[in-house]
């Protein structure tokens, strides 16, 4: 018999976010396989009008960097400027105050990372090697920004699907690097420091140990990474991927661990694709704001948030999230392995 879940409100002691859970709002999710059983086309010619497809370079403002294919001609990933950027690397100027209001120059960098030359091959349906190439590109651009301008704080993220904010269907990620420290990340770092002083050790490491011991929110593991639905997940099927060893900064990811992360990421994205029929989602890298950080209270992560729900009036007006599911149930669905998933356990 399936377990019965009752409504409750939980707080994440690191993010300090309170989330109300209402599992009776939705029926138990049904596993769907319609999209996962159909293979992507073996031939994937350029799509007319898509600026990210090979051969359409005239549609791009320029190419910043490319990672070449290892076994064939052409590029594996490509980095281009964001054509509609809100930030300008050449802007300068200090904040200007006028009564209640302040302005500042919108200085920073915005780049688009084209994940693959193949228009119809999202990360969930590609190879571990291609996901590894995407992660290698993340690292290259992360270090390039941080070493060229120490005021810029790069954020790496991916929008999959229109509801997640993707305006072009060709698989791509983005980097946005403003010249200020994002307030939400600063708040989480302060809360993590408070938990560190309370616990005497990294709160994220404690979280990992707790999830490995409890297992009921665990989704997948390998020797280097653990994937789980967080205790106070803000949305159904949210997942965090964390390295098992303490490391505050994404930028120090080794080549070996990068490949392990590629396997973890592809696996859980495939499970989302299969269990939720290819939902729209965002994922983002959460790393220490300080470059080359050795902070004992921070631990980098990659966080995935499916867009299966929308915020309604209460959530918009109060800032408190209502999750119509429950993490333990979501993890149980995501734990079911599919015949085409490889590596790891859980």
Foldseek 3Di string as FASTA:
>chain_A
DDDDDCWDWDADLLLRAIATEAQVVDDQFDWACPVVVDADDPDFADDPPACLAPPNVVVAPHWDDFDADDPDGDTLKTKGFDPDDPADQPDADDWDDDVPDIDGHRHWGKMKMQQGNGQRAELLNDDLVSLLVSLVVVLVVQVVRCVVDVQWFKKKKFWADVLSPDPGSRGIIMIITTRDDDPSLVSSLVSLVVVCVVPVFAVVLVVVVVCVVVVLQWAWDDPFWTKGQDQRHQEFLKIKIFTNDADQAPNVQDSVVSSVVSLVVNQLQNLCCRRVVNFIKMKIKRHDRHPPDPDRHHTIIIIMGGPPDDDDDVCVVPVHGYYNRGSSSRSVSSNDGDPPRDDTHD
